[in-house]
Amino acid sequence: MKFLSIYLLALALNVSANGFSQTVTLNEKAITYTELFKLIHKQTGYQVFYKSDVLSSQEKINVTAVNASIDRVANDWLKNKQVQYSVL
């Protein structure tokens, strides 16, 4: 009986964690970080906050992602930046 209870609890926690993982699909050329963050908000409901002195609001980037997790895509976008992020 204890094993069944522990198994059901673990299963419930796994389902809960998977329910919060968000994916994005984007294929954008020469967009700003501001535009990118608006698209993320539109697809996921997540709001992105950043300091404009860290990420230039005028820098243009190309973004391609198909059902990719926000973490994977953010790592690609920010790989050459001295930026830390978290998804809350």
C-alpha atoms as a PDB file:
ATOM      1  CA  MET A   1       0.000   0.000   0.000  1.00  0.00           C
ATOM      2  CA  LYS A   2       2.853   2.386   0.819  1.00  0.00           C
ATOM      3  CA  PHE A   3       4.484   1.648  -2.517  1.00  0.00           C
ATOM      4  CA  LEU A   4       1.261   2.469  -4.370  1.00  0.00           C
ATOM      5  CA  SER A   5       0.931   5.763  -2.474  1.00  0.00           C
ATOM      6  CA  ILE A   6       4.514   6.760  -3.254  1.00  0.00           C
ATOM      7  CA  TYR A   7       4.101   5.763  -6.894  1.00  0.00           C
ATOM      8  CA  LEU A   8       0.912   7.825  -7.272  1.00  0.00           C
ATOM      9  CA  LEU A   9       2.563  10.831  -5.612  1.00  0.00           C
ATOM     10  CA  ALA A  10       5.565  10.603  -7.944  1.00  0.00           C
ATOM     11  CA  LEU A  11       3.263  10.277 -10.950  1.00  0.00           C
ATOM     12  CA  ALA A  12       1.245  13.334  -9.870  1.00  0.00           C
ATOM     13  CA  LEU A  13       4.399  15.413  -9.404  1.00  0.00           C
ATOM     14  CA  ASN A  14       5.691  14.392 -12.831  1.00  0.00           C
ATOM     15  CA  VAL A  15       2.411  15.337 -14.515  1.00  0.00           C
ATOM     16  CA  SER A  16       2.447  18.670 -12.688  1.00  0.00           C
ATOM     17  CA  ALA A  17       5.999  19.446 -13.814  1.00  0.00           C
ATOM     18  CA  ASN A  18       5.228  18.554 -17.422  1.00  0.00           C
ATOM     19  CA  GLY A  19       2.148  20.758 -17.362  1.00  0.00           C
ATOM     20  CA  PHE A  20       4.297  23.818 -16.720  1.00  0.00           C
ATOM     21  CA  SER A  21       6.869  23.171 -19.438  1.00  0.00           C
ATOM     22  CA  GLN A  22       6.151  25.580 -22.254  1.00  0.00           C
ATOM     23  CA  THR A  23       7.242  25.281 -25.845  1.00  0.00           C
ATOM     24  CA  VAL A  24       7.465  27.899 -28.539  1.00  0.00           C
ATOM     25  CA  THR A  25       7.426  27.773 -32.304  1.00  0.00           C
ATOM     26  CA  LEU A  26       9.064  30.716 -34.026  1.00  0.00           C
ATOM     27  CA  ASN A  27      10.539  31.452 -37.425  1.00  0.00           C
ATOM     28  CA  GLU A  28      11.499  35.109 -37.370  1.00  0.00           C
ATOM     29  CA  LYS A  29      14.173  37.032 -39.220  1.00  0.00           C
ATOM     30  CA  ALA A  30      15.759  40.293 -38.048  1.00  0.00           C
ATOM     31  CA  ILE A  31      13.559  40.925 -35.005  1.00  0.00           C
ATOM     32  CA  THR A  32      14.502  42.767 -31.844  1.00  0.00           C
ATOM     33  CA  TYR A  33      14.566  41.210 -28.397  1.00  0.00           C
ATOM     34  CA  THR A  34      11.507  43.319 -27.536  1.00  0.00           C
ATOM     35  CA  GLU A  35       9.574  41.798 -30.439  1.00  0.00           C
ATOM     36  CA  LEU A  36      10.818  38.336 -29.530  1.00  0.00           C
ATOM     37  CA  PHE A  37       9.681  38.652 -25.926  1.00  0.00           C
ATOM     38  CA  LYS A  38       6.238  39.819 -27.097  1.00  0.00           C
ATOM     39  CA  LEU A  39       5.947  36.696 -29.260  1.00  0.00           C
ATOM     40  CA  ILE A  40       6.947  34.485 -26.326  1.00  0.00           C
ATOM     41  CA  HIS A  41       4.340  36.170 -24.148  1.00  0.00           C
ATOM     42  CA  LYS A  42       1.682  35.662 -26.830  1.00  0.00           C
ATOM     43  CA  GLN A  43       2.461  31.924 -27.152  1.00  0.00           C
ATOM     44  CA  THR A  44       3.134  31.011 -23.530  1.00  0.00           C
ATOM     45  CA  GLY A  45       1.704  33.696 -21.291  1.00  0.00           C
ATOM     46  CA  TYR A  46       5.158  34.239 -19.766  1.00  0.00           C
ATOM     47  CA  GLN A  47       6.235  37.852 -19.345  1.00  0.00           C
ATOM     48  CA  VAL A  48       9.915  38.575 -19.952  1.00  0.00           C
ATOM     49  CA  PHE A  49      11.663  41.322 -17.991  1.00  0.00           C
ATOM     50  CA  TYR A  50      15.144  42.532 -18.832  1.00  0.00           C
ATOM     51  CA  LYS A  51      17.464  45.495 -18.453  1.00  0.00           C
ATOM     52  CA  SER A  52      17.815  47.451 -21.661  1.00  0.00           C
ATOM     53  CA  ASP A  53      21.498  48.120 -20.946  1.00  0.00           C
ATOM     54  CA  VAL A  54      22.158  44.351 -21.028  1.00  0.00           C
ATOM     55  CA  LEU A  55      20.174  43.452 -24.157  1.00  0.00           C
ATOM     56  CA  SER A  56      20.023  46.127 -26.823  1.00  0.00           C
ATOM     57  CA  SER A  57      16.466  46.881 -27.861  1.00  0.00           C
ATOM     58  CA  GLN A  58      17.716  47.654 -31.391  1.00  0.00           C
ATOM     59  CA  GLU A  59      19.852  44.541 -31.982  1.00  0.00           C
ATOM     60  CA  LYS A  60      18.332  42.294 -34.656  1.00  0.00           C
ATOM     61  CA  ILE A  61      18.357  38.523 -34.297  1.00  0.00           C
ATOM     62  CA  ASN A  62      17.076  35.537 -36.266  1.00  0.00           C
ATOM     63  CA  VAL A  63      15.035  32.991 -34.350  1.00  0.00           C
ATOM     64  CA  THR A  64      14.002  29.532 -35.503  1.00  0.00           C
ATOM     65  CA  ALA A  65      12.365  27.074 -33.107  1.00  0.00           C
ATOM     66  CA  VAL A  66       9.772  24.344 -33.573  1.00  0.00           C
ATOM     67  CA  ASN A  67       8.058  23.148 -30.387  1.00  0.00           C
ATOM     68  CA  ALA A  68      11.243  23.939 -28.488  1.00  0.00           C
ATOM     69  CA  SER A  69      11.399  24.467 -24.751  1.00  0.00           C
ATOM     70  CA  ILE A  70      11.914  28.008 -23.558  1.00  0.00           C
ATOM     71  CA  ASP A  71      15.155  26.952 -21.836  1.00  0.00           C
ATOM     72  CA  ARG A  72      16.674  25.471 -24.992  1.00  0.00           C
ATOM     73  CA  VAL A  73      15.702  28.422 -27.131  1.00  0.00           C
ATOM     74  CA  ALA A  74      16.838  31.002 -24.559  1.00  0.00           C
ATOM     75  CA  ASN A  75      20.235  29.299 -24.407  1.00  0.00           C
ATOM     76  CA  ASP A  76      20.507  29.677 -28.190  1.00  0.00           C
ATOM     77  CA  TRP A  77      19.450  33.352 -28.183  1.00  0.00           C
ATOM     78  CA  LEU A  78      21.692  34.334 -25.316  1.00  0.00           C
ATOM     79  CA  LYS A  79      24.755  32.170 -25.948  1.00  0.00           C
ATOM     80  CA  ASN A  80      27.032  35.122 -26.727  1.00  0.00           C
ATOM     81  CA  LYS A  81      25.646  37.361 -23.994  1.00  0.00           C
ATOM     82  CA  GLN A  82      26.689  37.702 -20.364  1.00  0.00           C
ATOM     83  CA  VAL A  83      23.106  37.108 -19.226  1.00  0.00           C
ATOM     84  CA  GLN A  84      21.522  34.889 -16.619  1.00  0.00           C
ATOM     85  CA  TYR A  85      17.841  34.023 -16.785  1.00  0.00           C
ATOM     86  CA  SER A  86      15.234  32.000 -14.987  1.00  0.00           C
ATOM     87  CA  VAL A  87      11.754  30.831 -15.879  1.00  0.00           C
ATOM     88  CA  LEU A  88       9.322  31.339 -13.034  1.00  0.00           C
END
